[in-house]
Protein backbone atom coordinates (compact mmCIF):
# COMPACT_ATOMS: atom_id res chain seq x y z
CA MET A 1 40.75 -71.87 -28.91
CA ILE A 2 38.15 -70.76 -31.73
CA ASP A 3 39.03 -71.21 -34.76
CA LEU A 4 37.98 -67.70 -36.50
CA LYS A 5 38.73 -68.89 -40.35
CA LYS A 6 36.50 -71.66 -39.51
CA ASP A 7 33.83 -70.23 -37.57
CA LYS A 8 34.02 -66.90 -40.91
CA PHE A 9 33.77 -69.81 -42.93
CA ILE A 10 31.07 -70.99 -41.71
CA LYS A 11 28.87 -68.14 -41.06
CA ALA A 12 30.18 -67.51 -44.92
CA SER A 13 28.34 -70.60 -46.10
CA LEU A 14 25.13 -70.24 -43.75
CA ALA A 15 24.42 -66.69 -45.48
CA GLY A 16 25.05 -68.00 -49.04
CA VAL A 17 22.77 -70.90 -48.88
CA PHE A 18 20.64 -69.16 -46.72
CA SER A 19 20.49 -66.27 -49.06
CA ALA A 20 19.53 -69.14 -52.32
CA PHE A 21 16.95 -70.78 -50.70
CA THR A 22 15.44 -67.66 -50.10
CA ILE A 23 15.86 -65.54 -53.61
CA GLY A 24 15.00 -69.05 -55.07
CA ILE A 25 11.51 -69.51 -53.28
CA LEU A 26 10.87 -65.68 -54.44
CA THR A 27 12.61 -67.12 -58.08
CA LEU A 28 9.83 -69.96 -57.93
CA ILE A 29 6.91 -67.77 -56.91
CA THR A 30 7.49 -65.36 -59.64
CA TYR A 31 8.26 -67.49 -62.97
CA LYS A 32 6.66 -71.18 -61.58
CA THR A 33 3.11 -69.66 -60.58
CA GLU A 34 0.55 -67.49 -61.82
CA LEU A 35 0.55 -65.03 -59.12
CA GLY A 36 3.04 -62.19 -60.24
CA LEU A 37 6.57 -60.82 -59.46
CA PHE A 38 8.10 -61.05 -56.29
CA LEU A 39 11.71 -60.84 -56.96
CA ALA A 40 13.55 -56.86 -57.32
CA ALA A 41 17.03 -56.18 -57.42
CA SER A 42 17.90 -55.17 -53.45
CA PHE A 43 16.59 -57.71 -52.27
CA GLY A 44 19.84 -59.79 -53.06
CA SER A 45 21.81 -57.58 -51.14
CA SER A 46 18.90 -57.68 -48.04
CA MET A 47 20.29 -61.22 -48.34
CA VAL A 48 24.13 -59.65 -47.17
CA LEU A 49 22.15 -58.03 -44.25
CA LEU A 50 19.49 -60.72 -43.10
CA TYR A 51 21.77 -64.09 -43.17
CA GLY A 52 25.64 -62.50 -43.10
CA PHE A 53 24.89 -59.71 -39.90
CA PRO A 54 21.47 -60.30 -39.04
CA GLU A 55 22.26 -58.24 -35.19
CA SER A 56 22.72 -55.34 -37.58
CA PRO A 57 20.00 -52.90 -37.26
CA PHE A 58 19.57 -52.38 -40.83
CA ALA A 59 18.94 -56.20 -40.77
CA GLN A 60 15.81 -55.71 -38.34
CA PRO A 61 12.44 -56.21 -39.69
CA LYS A 62 11.45 -53.23 -39.48
CA ASN A 63 14.35 -51.70 -41.42
CA ILE A 64 13.78 -54.60 -43.65
CA PHE A 65 9.85 -53.97 -44.53
CA PHE A 66 9.93 -50.13 -44.47
CA GLY A 67 13.19 -49.22 -45.63
CA HIS A 68 12.03 -51.19 -48.82
CA LEU A 69 8.47 -50.18 -48.46
CA LEU A 70 9.06 -46.60 -47.99
CA THR A 71 12.34 -45.93 -50.66
CA ALA A 72 10.02 -48.14 -53.27
CA PHE A 73 7.12 -46.13 -52.78
CA VAL A 74 9.11 -42.48 -53.17
CA GLY A 75 10.07 -44.21 -57.25
CA VAL A 76 6.76 -44.45 -57.67
CA VAL A 77 5.43 -41.14 -57.18
CA PHE A 78 7.96 -39.41 -58.25
CA VAL A 79 8.46 -41.42 -62.09
CA ASN A 80 4.31 -40.80 -61.53
CA PHE A 81 3.66 -37.62 -60.29
CA ILE A 82 7.10 -35.24 -61.08
CA GLN A 83 7.69 -34.57 -64.15
CA LEU A 84 11.53 -33.48 -64.50
CA PRO A 85 14.17 -35.97 -66.71
CA ILE A 86 15.11 -39.00 -66.03
CA PHE A 87 18.70 -37.91 -64.98
CA MET A 88 17.30 -35.76 -62.94
CA ILE A 89 14.32 -37.32 -61.62
CA ILE A 90 16.18 -40.84 -60.42
CA PRO A 91 19.33 -38.94 -57.83
CA ALA A 92 16.11 -36.88 -56.22
CA ALA A 93 13.92 -40.25 -55.60
CA VAL A 94 16.75 -41.65 -54.73
CA GLY A 95 17.80 -38.86 -52.12
CA PHE A 96 14.66 -37.94 -50.43
CA GLY A 97 14.20 -42.12 -50.31
CA ILE A 98 17.15 -41.62 -48.27
CA PHE A 99 16.97 -38.74 -46.20
CA LEU A 100 13.12 -40.26 -45.50
CA MET A 101 14.43 -43.39 -44.44
CA ILE A 102 16.67 -41.80 -41.83
CA MET A 103 13.76 -39.72 -40.40
CA LEU A 104 11.58 -42.06 -39.91
CA ASP A 105 14.13 -44.56 -38.57
CA VAL A 106 14.08 -46.87 -41.15
CA VAL A 107 17.02 -46.75 -42.85
CA HIS A 108 18.03 -50.71 -44.91
CA PRO A 109 20.91 -49.99 -46.99
CA PRO A 110 19.60 -52.20 -49.88
CA ALA A 111 16.48 -49.60 -50.09
CA GLY A 112 18.37 -46.93 -51.05
CA GLY A 113 18.91 -48.54 -54.78
CA ASN A 114 14.59 -49.13 -54.93
CA PRO A 115 14.01 -45.24 -56.51
CA ILE A 116 16.22 -46.40 -59.66
CA MET A 117 14.76 -49.68 -60.17
CA VAL A 118 11.18 -48.07 -59.96
CA ILE A 119 11.79 -45.28 -62.41
CA ILE A 120 14.02 -46.65 -64.82
CA GLY A 121 10.64 -49.85 -65.74
CA SER A 122 8.60 -46.86 -65.15
CA ALA A 123 7.04 -48.56 -61.82
CA SER A 124 2.98 -48.19 -61.20
CA PHE A 125 1.50 -48.31 -57.74
CA ASP A 126 0.79 -52.06 -57.54
CA TYR A 127 4.65 -52.86 -57.43
CA LEU A 128 4.73 -51.56 -54.00
CA PHE A 129 2.30 -55.32 -53.62
CA SER A 130 4.27 -56.89 -55.86
CA PRO A 131 6.94 -57.51 -55.43
CA ILE A 132 7.63 -54.62 -52.61
CA ILE A 133 5.41 -56.12 -50.04
CA THR A 134 5.02 -59.46 -50.80
CA GLY A 135 8.63 -60.34 -51.20
CA THR A 136 9.44 -58.54 -47.83
CA VAL A 137 7.13 -60.35 -46.39
CA ILE A 138 8.64 -63.96 -47.46
CA ILE A 139 12.08 -62.33 -46.80
CA LEU A 140 11.16 -61.79 -43.58
CA PHE A 141 9.50 -65.09 -42.78
CA PHE A 142 12.46 -67.42 -43.71
CA GLY A 143 14.93 -64.81 -42.06
CA VAL A 144 12.77 -65.04 -38.49
CA ILE A 145 12.68 -68.56 -39.22
CA LEU A 146 16.10 -69.69 -40.03
CA ASN A 147 18.24 -67.15 -37.83
CA ARG A 148 15.68 -67.14 -34.87
CA TYR A 149 14.91 -71.44 -34.91
CA ILE A 150 17.19 -72.55 -36.51
CA LEU A 151 20.29 -70.86 -35.99
CA LYS A 152 18.91 -70.44 -32.71
CA LYS A 153 19.83 -66.46 -32.25
CA ASN A 154 18.48 -63.03 -31.16
CA TYR A 155 16.71 -62.12 -34.43
CA PRO A 156 14.69 -59.80 -34.58
CA GLN A 157 17.06 -57.93 -31.89
CA GLN A 158 14.29 -56.54 -28.92
CA LYS A 159 15.59 -53.74 -27.98
């Protein structure tokens, strides 16, 4: 008989350790090198999907990469080109980002918060490269290594 509590404990432990490791690498690169910013708040919730539920369609590399990139891009466009008060621009950007993720089949729920961060921080297009592109590439690198090669999971899932 399978001990479900033990399996859940192991799954949760591995997800926690791998999440801390991945975010730790991004933090180390951000604060101990001159390479730039590699952290976005939404990356923390990406860890929940990537390591806790890698079988989810929302945790697949295409969704993680393009979901983050698309919604951060929407935030940058809105904050730099749409002249509305912040209480209007934030919900409009979040809604449009979610609309695009669904339409383009790259839904990654944690990315839904990116326009908020981008607009509050008045980010420029540089934000798309660092931390969004560079950070998600590093996240996906560790996600594939740990899920596929260490845990022997079917990640990324093949359609």
